Amino acid sequence: MYPNLFHLPEWFPIGAGAPITTFGVMMMLSFLTAGYVLRAGLAREGHNPDIAWSLVFWAVIGGLVGARIYYALLNYPRLLADPTGVLFARGGAVWYGGFLLAAALVVWQIRKLELPLGKTADAAAPALALAYAVGRLGCFLVGDDYGRPTDSWVGVAFPNGPTPSTASVISSQFGITVDPAMIERYGEVLPVHPTQLYETAISTLIFLLLWRLRGHNHSAGWLFMMWLALAGAERFFVEIFRAKDDRFFGVFTLAQMISLFLVAFGAVWMLKLGRGKGTASV
């Protein structure tokens, strides 16, 4: 894969020699994608489209900080041993943590700007789906968040990722028993499920569906709740193939438990908002 696009030249005044990672670039593109799609949604609702960039700004702050806090809490033994290293490392982020804090800050900003919450959330739903798809391409290019070993045609090896897809790493860090036959066939670096691409593909389909339904006749907020339910279902499905060390609930990961809650929450509110017609604010 391509974890680094290039390194800053030594004469550069800030961060000389530092790598510019594909993950960082794709993260930036994901926020830009969200901004442009949200801008179109706000314009459709008759609001100033440039407000989108204010909302994206707070989403960036909440996303980065929340993702790191969630990661730190999930890895609390390392946090206790080296809090500075864990909190300020280049790598290490969890999407659900970023989403929760970003959502709180964006809702605060929506209220501050006196925008209708339901309509604004509906405008944001397609933006969230497409931005997530773009961001997961960054995970693929850097070689992170991959899946379990597989000898199927979809398998991709990540020899240079933050956690290379080697038999030793998969066994020691993720607690997955590696089939000796795969090691004999492929060597130390194993092909794994490219779960990043699974998420990109499914989330793109979700975006297309939401974009098609953005003119719905249900109560305001219905489209956002659809995205919440579909995004939760998507994550639950992909987690089946992920190489993870947080299966605290039997075969289920922590992310899957959160996903189930989001699916249930989104589905219940879709039913409630689907009964009413019009565009009443939520």
C-alpha atoms as a PDB file:
ATOM      1  CA  MET A   1       0.000   0.000   0.000  1.00  0.00           C
ATOM      2  CA  TYR A   2       0.963   3.655   0.119  1.00  0.00           C
ATOM      3  CA  PRO A   3       1.096   4.884   3.735  1.00  0.00           C
ATOM      4  CA  ASN A   4       3.015   8.068   2.791  1.00  0.00           C
ATOM      5  CA  LEU A   5       2.509  10.222  -0.262  1.00  0.00           C
ATOM      6  CA  PHE A   6       5.742  12.126   0.286  1.00  0.00           C
ATOM      7  CA  HIS A   7       7.921  13.718   2.967  1.00  0.00           C
ATOM      8  CA  LEU A   8       8.214  17.436   3.543  1.00  0.00           C
ATOM      9  CA  PRO A   9      11.608  18.760   2.406  1.00  0.00           C
ATOM     10  CA  GLU A  10      14.230  19.395   5.064  1.00  0.00           C
ATOM     11  CA  TRP A  11      14.174  23.130   4.351  1.00  0.00           C
ATOM     12  CA  PHE A  12      10.426  23.345   5.081  1.00  0.00           C
ATOM     13  CA  PRO A  13       9.932  25.714   8.067  1.00  0.00           C
ATOM     14  CA  ILE A  14       7.369  23.519   9.872  1.00  0.00           C
ATOM     15  CA  GLY A  15       7.667  19.749  10.273  1.00  0.00           C
ATOM     16  CA  ALA A  16      10.724  19.351   8.056  1.00  0.00           C
ATOM     17  CA  GLY A  17      11.040  15.752   6.910  1.00  0.00           C
ATOM     18  CA  ALA A  18       7.625  14.777   8.271  1.00  0.00           C
ATOM     19  CA  PRO A  19       5.558  12.370   6.148  1.00  0.00           C
ATOM     20  CA  ILE A  20       2.328  13.414   4.481  1.00  0.00           C
ATOM     21  CA  THR A  21       0.213  10.305   4.937  1.00  0.00           C
ATOM     22  CA  THR A  22      -2.441   9.029   2.590  1.00  0.00           C
ATOM     23  CA  PHE A  23      -4.725   8.627   5.591  1.00  0.00           C
ATOM     24  CA  GLY A  24      -4.397  12.308   6.465  1.00  0.00           C
ATOM     25  CA  VAL A  25      -5.028  13.388   2.890  1.00  0.00           C
ATOM     26  CA  MET A  26      -8.090  11.171   2.541  1.00  0.00           C
ATOM     27  CA  MET A  27      -9.407  12.394   5.881  1.00  0.00           C
ATOM     28  CA  MET A  28      -9.126  15.953   4.614  1.00  0.00           C
ATOM     29  CA  LEU A  29     -10.906  14.950   1.398  1.00  0.00           C
ATOM     30  CA  SER A  30     -13.663  13.259   3.403  1.00  0.00           C
ATOM     31  CA  PHE A  31     -14.397  16.470   5.312  1.00  0.00           C
ATOM     32  CA  LEU A  32     -14.324  18.469   2.076  1.00  0.00           C
ATOM     33  CA  THR A  33     -16.718  15.937   0.532  1.00  0.00           C
ATOM     34  CA  ALA A  34     -19.049  16.304   3.494  1.00  0.00           C
ATOM     35  CA  GLY A  35     -18.920  20.078   3.167  1.00  0.00           C
ATOM     36  CA  TYR A  36     -19.836  20.167  -0.517  1.00  0.00           C
ATOM     37  CA  VAL A  37     -22.643  17.621  -0.216  1.00  0.00           C
ATOM     38  CA  LEU A  38     -24.026  19.355   2.892  1.00  0.00           C
ATOM     39  CA  ARG A  39     -23.760  22.687   1.075  1.00  0.00           C
ATOM     40  CA  ALA A  40     -26.020  21.328  -1.672  1.00  0.00           C
ATOM     41  CA  GLY A  41     -28.460  20.024   0.917  1.00  0.00           C
ATOM     42  CA  LEU A  42     -28.690  23.331   2.759  1.00  0.00           C
ATOM     43  CA  ALA A  43     -29.205  25.220  -0.500  1.00  0.00           C
ATOM     44  CA  ARG A  44     -32.033  22.825  -1.363  1.00  0.00           C
ATOM     45  CA  GLU A  45     -33.702  23.692   1.951  1.00  0.00           C
ATOM     46  CA  GLY A  46     -33.348  27.426   1.301  1.00  0.00           C
ATOM     47  CA  HIS A  47     -30.557  28.097   3.803  1.00  0.00           C
ATOM     48  CA  ASN A  48     -27.253  29.842   3.283  1.00  0.00           C
ATOM     49  CA  PRO A  49     -25.093  27.025   1.819  1.00  0.00           C
ATOM     50  CA  ASP A  50     -21.891  28.479   3.274  1.00  0.00           C
ATOM     51  CA  ILE A  51     -23.136  27.535   6.746  1.00  0.00           C
ATOM     52  CA  ALA A  52     -22.001  24.042   5.784  1.00  0.00           C
ATOM     53  CA  TRP A  53     -18.370  24.965   6.370  1.00  0.00           C
ATOM     54  CA  SER A  54     -19.093  26.150   9.894  1.00  0.00           C
ATOM     55  CA  LEU A  55     -20.752  22.821  10.667  1.00  0.00           C
ATOM     56  CA  VAL A  56     -17.893  20.896   9.053  1.00  0.00           C
ATOM     57  CA  PHE A  57     -15.379  22.850  11.132  1.00  0.00           C
ATOM     58  CA  TRP A  58     -16.982  21.669  14.367  1.00  0.00           C
ATOM     59  CA  ALA A  59     -17.314  18.167  12.944  1.00  0.00           C
ATOM     60  CA  VAL A  60     -13.560  18.154  12.298  1.00  0.00           C
ATOM     61  CA  ILE A  61     -12.797  19.258  15.863  1.00  0.00           C
ATOM     62  CA  GLY A  62     -15.194  16.770  17.417  1.00  0.00           C
ATOM     63  CA  GLY A  63     -14.195  13.982  15.050  1.00  0.00           C
ATOM     64  CA  LEU A  64     -10.474  14.231  15.705  1.00  0.00           C
ATOM     65  CA  VAL A  65     -10.723  14.730  19.468  1.00  0.00           C
ATOM     66  CA  GLY A  66     -13.512  12.225  20.024  1.00  0.00           C
ATOM     67  CA  ALA A  67     -11.841   9.525  17.934  1.00  0.00           C
ATOM     68  CA  ARG A  68      -8.625   9.867  19.915  1.00  0.00           C
ATOM     69  CA  ILE A  69     -10.392   9.890  23.316  1.00  0.00           C
ATOM     70  CA  TYR A  70     -12.360   6.753  22.418  1.00  0.00           C
ATOM     71  CA  TYR A  71      -9.162   5.040  21.239  1.00  0.00           C
ATOM     72  CA  ALA A  72      -7.350   6.009  24.434  1.00  0.00           C
ATOM     73  CA  LEU A  73     -10.145   4.656  26.653  1.00  0.00           C
ATOM     74  CA  LEU A  74     -10.328   1.461  24.613  1.00  0.00           C
ATOM     75  CA  ASN A  75      -6.575   1.011  25.178  1.00  0.00           C
ATOM     76  CA  TYR A  76      -6.559   2.144  28.799  1.00  0.00           C
ATOM     77  CA  PRO A  77      -3.576  -0.032  29.894  1.00  0.00           C
ATOM     78  CA  ARG A  78      -1.412   1.758  27.349  1.00  0.00           C
ATOM     79  CA  LEU A  79      -3.001   5.073  28.326  1.00  0.00           C
ATOM     80  CA  LEU A  80      -2.039   4.545  31.977  1.00  0.00           C
ATOM     81  CA  ALA A  81       1.500   3.527  31.023  1.00  0.00           C
ATOM     82  CA  ASP A  82       2.116   6.309  28.503  1.00  0.00           C
ATOM     83  CA  PRO A  83      -0.705   8.905  28.427  1.00  0.00           C
ATOM     84  CA  THR A  84       1.218  11.433  26.348  1.00  0.00           C
ATOM     85  CA  GLY A  85       2.277   8.848  23.798  1.00  0.00           C
ATOM     86  CA  VAL A  86      -1.250   7.483  23.377  1.00  0.00           C
ATOM     87  CA  LEU A  87      -3.047  10.830  23.259  1.00  0.00           C
ATOM     88  CA  PHE A  88      -0.645  12.537  20.865  1.00  0.00           C
ATOM     89  CA  ALA A  89       0.496   9.658  18.654  1.00  0.00           C
ATOM     90  CA  ARG A  90       0.020  10.049  14.899  1.00  0.00           C
ATOM     91  CA  GLY A  91      -2.034   6.870  14.683  1.00  0.00           C
ATOM     92  CA  GLY A  92      -4.921   5.585  16.737  1.00  0.00           C
ATOM     93  CA  ALA A  93      -8.501   6.728  16.207  1.00  0.00           C
ATOM     94  CA  VAL A  94     -11.960   5.160  16.485  1.00  0.00           C
ATOM     95  CA  TRP A  95     -14.754   6.406  14.242  1.00  0.00           C
ATOM     96  CA  TYR A  96     -17.609   5.958  16.704  1.00  0.00           C
ATOM     97  CA  GLY A  97     -15.861   8.153  19.260  1.00  0.00           C
ATOM     98  CA  GLY A  98     -15.326  10.838  16.656  1.00  0.00           C
ATOM     99  CA  PHE A  99     -18.928  10.626  15.507  1.00  0.00           C
ATOM    100  CA  LEU A 100     -20.387  11.023  19.001  1.00  0.00           C
ATOM    101  CA  LEU A 101     -18.407  14.138  19.909  1.00  0.00           C
ATOM    102  CA  ALA A 102     -18.731  15.618  16.423  1.00  0.00           C
ATOM    103  CA  ALA A 103     -22.510  15.112  16.537  1.00  0.00           C
ATOM    104  CA  ALA A 104     -22.738  16.887  19.894  1.00  0.00           C
ATOM    105  CA  LEU A 105     -20.733  19.883  18.658  1.00  0.00           C
ATOM    106  CA  VAL A 106     -22.615  20.097  15.363  1.00  0.00           C
ATOM    107  CA  VAL A 107     -26.000  19.987  17.126  1.00  0.00           C
ATOM    108  CA  TRP A 108     -24.779  22.769  19.421  1.00  0.00           C
ATOM    109  CA  GLN A 109     -23.789  24.841  16.382  1.00  0.00           C
ATOM    110  CA  ILE A 110     -27.097  24.144  14.617  1.00  0.00           C
ATOM    111  CA  ARG A 111     -28.972  25.392  17.674  1.00  0.00           C
ATOM    112  CA  LYS A 112     -26.703  28.413  17.905  1.00  0.00           C
ATOM    113  CA  LEU A 113     -27.394  29.303  14.261  1.00  0.00           C
ATOM    114  CA  GLU A 114     -31.139  28.719  14.855  1.00  0.00           C
ATOM    115  CA  LEU A 115     -31.398  26.191  12.032  1.00  0.00           C
ATOM    116  CA  PRO A 116     -34.154  23.533  12.058  1.00  0.00           C
ATOM    117  CA  LEU A 117     -32.480  20.456  13.505  1.00  0.00           C
ATOM    118  CA  GLY A 118     -34.486  17.852  11.586  1.00  0.00           C
ATOM    119  CA  LYS A 119     -34.063  19.415   8.157  1.00  0.00           C
ATOM    120  CA  THR A 120     -30.388  20.098   8.739  1.00  0.00           C
ATOM    121  CA  ALA A 121     -29.836  16.520   9.882  1.00  0.00           C
ATOM    122  CA  ASP A 122     -31.538  15.268   6.721  1.00  0.00           C
ATOM    123  CA  ALA A 123     -29.253  17.462   4.626  1.00  0.00           C
ATOM    124  CA  ALA A 124     -26.264  16.019   6.466  1.00  0.00           C
ATOM    125  CA  ALA A 125     -27.225  12.357   6.026  1.00  0.00           C
ATOM    126  CA  PRO A 126     -25.975  11.886   2.423  1.00  0.00           C
ATOM    127  CA  ALA A 127     -22.896  13.950   3.284  1.00  0.00           C
ATOM    128  CA  LEU A 128     -22.038  11.647   6.186  1.00  0.00           C
ATOM    129  CA  ALA A 129     -22.426   8.522   4.053  1.00  0.00           C
ATOM    130  CA  LEU A 130     -20.191   9.729   1.217  1.00  0.00           C
ATOM    131  CA  ALA A 131     -17.597  11.271   3.530  1.00  0.00           C
ATOM    132  CA  TYR A 132     -17.302   7.967   5.394  1.00  0.00           C
ATOM    133  CA  ALA A 133     -16.775   6.131   2.113  1.00  0.00           C
ATOM    134  CA  VAL A 134     -13.964   8.503   1.170  1.00  0.00           C
ATOM    135  CA  GLY A 135     -12.345   8.294   4.596  1.00  0.00           C
ATOM    136  CA  ARG A 136     -12.217   4.500   4.523  1.00  0.00           C
ATOM    137  CA  LEU A 137     -10.162   4.685   1.326  1.00  0.00           C
ATOM    138  CA  GLY A 138      -7.522   6.360   3.471  1.00  0.00           C
ATOM    139  CA  CYS A 139      -7.543   3.376   5.832  1.00  0.00           C
ATOM    140  CA  PHE A 140      -7.037   1.067   2.851  1.00  0.00           C
ATOM    141  CA  LEU A 141      -4.170   3.086   1.384  1.00  0.00           C
ATOM    142  CA  VAL A 142      -2.337   3.274   4.712  1.00  0.00           C
ATOM    143  CA  GLY A 143      -2.965  -0.417   5.428  1.00  0.00           C
ATOM    144  CA  ASP A 144      -4.994  -0.113   8.630  1.00  0.00           C
ATOM    145  CA  ASP A 145      -8.317  -1.535   9.874  1.00  0.00           C
ATOM    146  CA  TYR A 146      -8.098  -4.628   7.705  1.00  0.00           C
ATOM    147  CA  GLY A 147      -9.873  -7.946   8.171  1.00  0.00           C
ATOM    148  CA  ARG A 148      -9.189 -11.548   9.019  1.00  0.00           C
ATOM    149  CA  PRO A 149      -6.911 -13.714   6.879  1.00  0.00           C
ATOM    150  CA  THR A 150      -8.509 -15.109   3.739  1.00  0.00           C
ATOM    151  CA  ASP A 151      -7.299 -17.142   0.789  1.00  0.00           C
ATOM    152  CA  SER A 152     -10.194 -15.993  -1.415  1.00  0.00           C
ATOM    153  CA  TRP A 153      -9.769 -13.788  -4.476  1.00  0.00           C
ATOM    154  CA  VAL A 154     -10.619 -10.653  -2.480  1.00  0.00           C
ATOM    155  CA  GLY A 155      -7.607 -11.025  -0.181  1.00  0.00           C
ATOM    156  CA  VAL A 156      -5.126  -8.128   0.019  1.00  0.00           C
ATOM    157  CA  ALA A 157      -1.805  -8.160   1.885  1.00  0.00           C
ATOM    158  CA  PHE A 158      -0.646  -5.130   3.893  1.00  0.00           C
ATOM    159  CA  PRO A 159       3.096  -5.587   4.524  1.00  0.00           C
ATOM    160  CA  ASN A 160       3.756  -1.905   5.269  1.00  0.00           C
ATOM    161  CA  GLY A 161       0.735  -0.930   7.329  1.00  0.00           C
ATOM    162  CA  PRO A 162       0.840   0.415  10.901  1.00  0.00           C
ATOM    163  CA  THR A 163       0.043  -3.166  11.921  1.00  0.00           C
ATOM    164  CA  PRO A 164       1.301  -5.308   9.010  1.00  0.00           C
ATOM    165  CA  SER A 165      -0.897  -8.235   8.053  1.00  0.00           C
ATOM    166  CA  THR A 166       1.699 -10.748   9.165  1.00  0.00           C
ATOM    167  CA  ALA A 167       0.898 -14.040  10.851  1.00  0.00           C
ATOM    168  CA  SER A 168       2.698 -12.968  14.017  1.00  0.00           C
ATOM    169  CA  VAL A 169       0.865  -9.639  14.294  1.00  0.00           C
ATOM    170  CA  ILE A 170      -2.545 -11.141  13.526  1.00  0.00           C
ATOM    171  CA  SER A 171      -1.969 -13.846  16.130  1.00  0.00           C
ATOM    172  CA  SER A 172      -0.402 -11.754  18.905  1.00  0.00           C
ATOM    173  CA  GLN A 173      -2.304  -8.458  18.586  1.00  0.00           C
ATOM    174  CA  PHE A 174      -5.725  -9.690  17.479  1.00  0.00           C
ATOM    175  CA  GLY A 175      -5.784 -13.139  19.069  1.00  0.00           C
ATOM    176  CA  ILE A 176      -6.692 -14.826  15.783  1.00  0.00           C
ATOM    177  CA  THR A 177      -5.521 -18.370  15.193  1.00  0.00           C
ATOM    178  CA  VAL A 178      -3.865 -18.464  11.783  1.00  0.00           C
ATOM    179  CA  ASP A 179      -4.231 -21.567   9.661  1.00  0.00           C
ATOM    180  CA  PRO A 180      -0.728 -23.056   9.199  1.00  0.00           C
ATOM    181  CA  ALA A 181      -1.689 -23.907   5.622  1.00  0.00           C
ATOM    182  CA  MET A 182      -1.988 -20.201   4.843  1.00  0.00           C
ATOM    183  CA  ILE A 183       1.457 -19.504   6.268  1.00  0.00           C
ATOM    184  CA  GLU A 184       2.858 -22.334   4.189  1.00  0.00           C
ATOM    185  CA  ARG A 185       1.169 -20.954   1.075  1.00  0.00           C
ATOM    186  CA  TYR A 186       1.736 -17.208   1.487  1.00  0.00           C
ATOM    187  CA  GLY A 187       4.592 -16.908   3.954  1.00  0.00           C
ATOM    188  CA  GLU A 188       4.607 -14.485   6.889  1.00  0.00           C
ATOM    189  CA  VAL A 189       2.622 -11.716   5.151  1.00  0.00           C
ATOM    190  CA  LEU A 190      -0.956 -12.926   4.736  1.00  0.00           C
ATOM    191  CA  PRO A 191      -3.796 -11.719   2.510  1.00  0.00           C
ATOM    192  CA  VAL A 192      -6.731 -10.444   4.529  1.00  0.00           C
ATOM    193  CA  HIS A 193     -10.245  -9.202   3.919  1.00  0.00           C
ATOM    194  CA  PRO A 194     -10.013  -5.585   2.653  1.00  0.00           C
ATOM    195  CA  THR A 195     -12.764  -4.490   5.014  1.00  0.00           C
ATOM    196  CA  GLN A 196     -11.934  -0.852   4.305  1.00  0.00           C
ATOM    197  CA  LEU A 197     -13.115  -1.345   0.719  1.00  0.00           C
ATOM    198  CA  TYR A 198     -16.194  -3.221   1.894  1.00  0.00           C
ATOM    199  CA  GLU A 199     -17.134  -0.174   3.943  1.00  0.00           C
ATOM    200  CA  THR A 200     -16.385   2.212   1.085  1.00  0.00           C
ATOM    201  CA  ALA A 201     -18.580   0.230  -1.305  1.00  0.00           C
ATOM    202  CA  ILE A 202     -21.515  -0.207   1.085  1.00  0.00           C
ATOM    203  CA  SER A 203     -21.413   3.384   2.319  1.00  0.00           C
ATOM    204  CA  THR A 204     -21.370   4.634  -1.276  1.00  0.00           C
ATOM    205  CA  LEU A 205     -24.521   2.617  -1.950  1.00  0.00           C
ATOM    206  CA  ILE A 206     -26.078   4.122   1.174  1.00  0.00           C
ATOM    207  CA  PHE A 207     -25.186   7.594  -0.124  1.00  0.00           C
ATOM    208  CA  LEU A 208     -26.867   6.892  -3.481  1.00  0.00           C
ATOM    209  CA  LEU A 209     -30.013   5.670  -1.723  1.00  0.00           C
ATOM    210  CA  LEU A 210     -30.164   8.675   0.609  1.00  0.00           C
ATOM    211  CA  TRP A 211     -29.525  11.062  -2.276  1.00  0.00           C
ATOM    212  CA  ARG A 212     -32.398   9.469  -4.167  1.00  0.00           C
ATOM    213  CA  LEU A 213     -34.722   9.802  -1.139  1.00  0.00           C
ATOM    214  CA  ARG A 214     -33.727  13.305  -0.052  1.00  0.00           C
ATOM    215  CA  GLY A 215     -37.063  14.676  -1.287  1.00  0.00           C
ATOM    216  CA  HIS A 216     -39.046  12.382   1.012  1.00  0.00           C
ATOM    217  CA  ASN A 217     -42.465  13.409   2.364  1.00  0.00           C
ATOM    218  CA  HIS A 218     -41.919  12.171   5.908  1.00  0.00           C
ATOM    219  CA  SER A 219     -41.292  14.374   8.915  1.00  0.00           C
ATOM    220  CA  ALA A 220     -37.960  16.148   9.118  1.00  0.00           C
ATOM    221  CA  GLY A 221     -35.224  13.945  10.515  1.00  0.00           C
ATOM    222  CA  TRP A 222     -36.495  10.752   8.872  1.00  0.00           C
ATOM    223  CA  LEU A 223     -33.652  10.592   6.340  1.00  0.00           C
ATOM    224  CA  PHE A 224     -30.999  11.064   9.013  1.00  0.00           C
ATOM    225  CA  MET A 225     -32.495   8.238  11.054  1.00  0.00           C
ATOM    226  CA  MET A 226     -32.387   6.047   7.954  1.00  0.00           C
ATOM    227  CA  TRP A 227     -28.688   6.814   7.573  1.00  0.00           C
ATOM    228  CA  LEU A 228     -28.121   6.027  11.258  1.00  0.00           C
ATOM    229  CA  ALA A 229     -29.813   2.632  10.947  1.00  0.00           C
ATOM    230  CA  LEU A 230     -28.084   1.747   7.663  1.00  0.00           C
ATOM    231  CA  ALA A 231     -24.676   2.910   8.878  1.00  0.00           C
ATOM    232  CA  GLY A 232     -25.060   0.818  12.014  1.00  0.00           C
ATOM    233  CA  ALA A 233     -26.079  -2.238   9.983  1.00  0.00           C
ATOM    234  CA  GLU A 234     -23.147  -1.725   7.624  1.00  0.00           C
ATOM    235  CA  ARG A 235     -20.656  -1.523  10.467  1.00  0.00           C
ATOM    236  CA  PHE A 236     -22.130  -4.558  12.222  1.00  0.00           C
ATOM    237  CA  PHE A 237     -21.778  -6.597   9.024  1.00  0.00           C
ATOM    238  CA  VAL A 238     -18.225  -5.528   8.242  1.00  0.00           C
ATOM    239  CA  GLU A 239     -17.094  -6.171  11.816  1.00  0.00           C
ATOM    240  CA  ILE A 240     -17.733  -9.873  11.178  1.00  0.00           C
ATOM    241  CA  PHE A 241     -14.692  -9.858   8.884  1.00  0.00           C
ATOM    242  CA  ARG A 242     -12.530  -7.387  10.825  1.00  0.00           C
ATOM    243  CA  ALA A 243      -9.349  -8.361  12.662  1.00  0.00           C
ATOM    244  CA  LYS A 244     -10.243  -6.999  16.100  1.00  0.00           C
ATOM    245  CA  ASP A 245      -9.144  -7.400  19.709  1.00  0.00           C
ATOM    246  CA  ASP A 246     -12.257  -5.885  21.328  1.00  0.00           C
ATOM    247  CA  ARG A 247     -14.650  -8.857  21.187  1.00  0.00           C
ATOM    248  CA  PHE A 248     -15.735  -8.236  24.756  1.00  0.00           C
ATOM    249  CA  PHE A 249     -19.233  -9.676  24.231  1.00  0.00           C
ATOM    250  CA  GLY A 250     -18.528 -13.230  23.107  1.00  0.00           C
ATOM    251  CA  VAL A 251     -18.140 -13.188  19.337  1.00  0.00           C
ATOM    252  CA  PHE A 252     -19.355  -9.582  19.140  1.00  0.00           C
ATOM    253  CA  THR A 253     -17.092  -6.547  19.157  1.00  0.00           C
ATOM    254  CA  LEU A 254     -17.757  -3.353  21.067  1.00  0.00           C
ATOM    255  CA  ALA A 255     -18.422  -1.630  17.740  1.00  0.00           C
ATOM    256  CA  GLN A 256     -21.076  -4.222  16.925  1.00  0.00           C
ATOM    257  CA  MET A 257     -22.873  -3.585  20.188  1.00  0.00           C
ATOM    258  CA  ILE A 258     -22.881   0.154  19.470  1.00  0.00           C
ATOM    259  CA  SER A 259     -24.056  -0.618  15.939  1.00  0.00           C
ATOM    260  CA  LEU A 260     -27.026  -2.613  17.237  1.00  0.00           C
ATOM    261  CA  PHE A 261     -28.041   0.337  19.407  1.00  0.00           C
ATOM    262  CA  LEU A 262     -27.796   2.727  16.441  1.00  0.00           C
ATOM    263  CA  VAL A 263     -29.822   0.399  14.213  1.00  0.00           C
ATOM    264  CA  ALA A 264     -32.556   0.090  16.837  1.00  0.00           C
ATOM    265  CA  PHE A 265     -32.551   3.829  17.619  1.00  0.00           C
ATOM    266  CA  GLY A 266     -32.638   4.796  13.943  1.00  0.00           C
ATOM    267  CA  ALA A 267     -35.348   2.254  13.069  1.00  0.00           C
ATOM    268  CA  VAL A 268     -37.637   3.313  15.933  1.00  0.00           C
ATOM    269  CA  TRP A 269     -37.358   6.983  15.005  1.00  0.00           C
ATOM    270  CA  MET A 270     -37.869   6.206  11.316  1.00  0.00           C
ATOM    271  CA  LEU A 271     -41.175   4.579  12.237  1.00  0.00           C
ATOM    272  CA  LYS A 272     -42.204   7.530  14.391  1.00  0.00           C
ATOM    273  CA  LEU A 273     -41.220  10.165  11.841  1.00  0.00           C
ATOM    274  CA  GLY A 274     -42.571   8.106   8.951  1.00  0.00           C
ATOM    275  CA  ARG A 275     -46.090   8.260  10.330  1.00  0.00           C
ATOM    276  CA  GLY A 276     -46.193  12.031  10.012  1.00  0.00           C
ATOM    277  CA  LYS A 277     -46.128  13.904   6.745  1.00  0.00           C
ATOM    278  CA  GLY A 278     -44.580  17.250   5.971  1.00  0.00           C
ATOM    279  CA  THR A 279     -41.382  18.883   7.088  1.00  0.00           C
ATOM    280  CA  ALA A 280     -41.962  19.690  10.730  1.00  0.00           C
ATOM    281  CA  SER A 281     -38.767  20.354  12.657  1.00  0.00           C
ATOM    282  CA  VAL A 282     -37.475  17.755  15.078  1.00  0.00           C
END
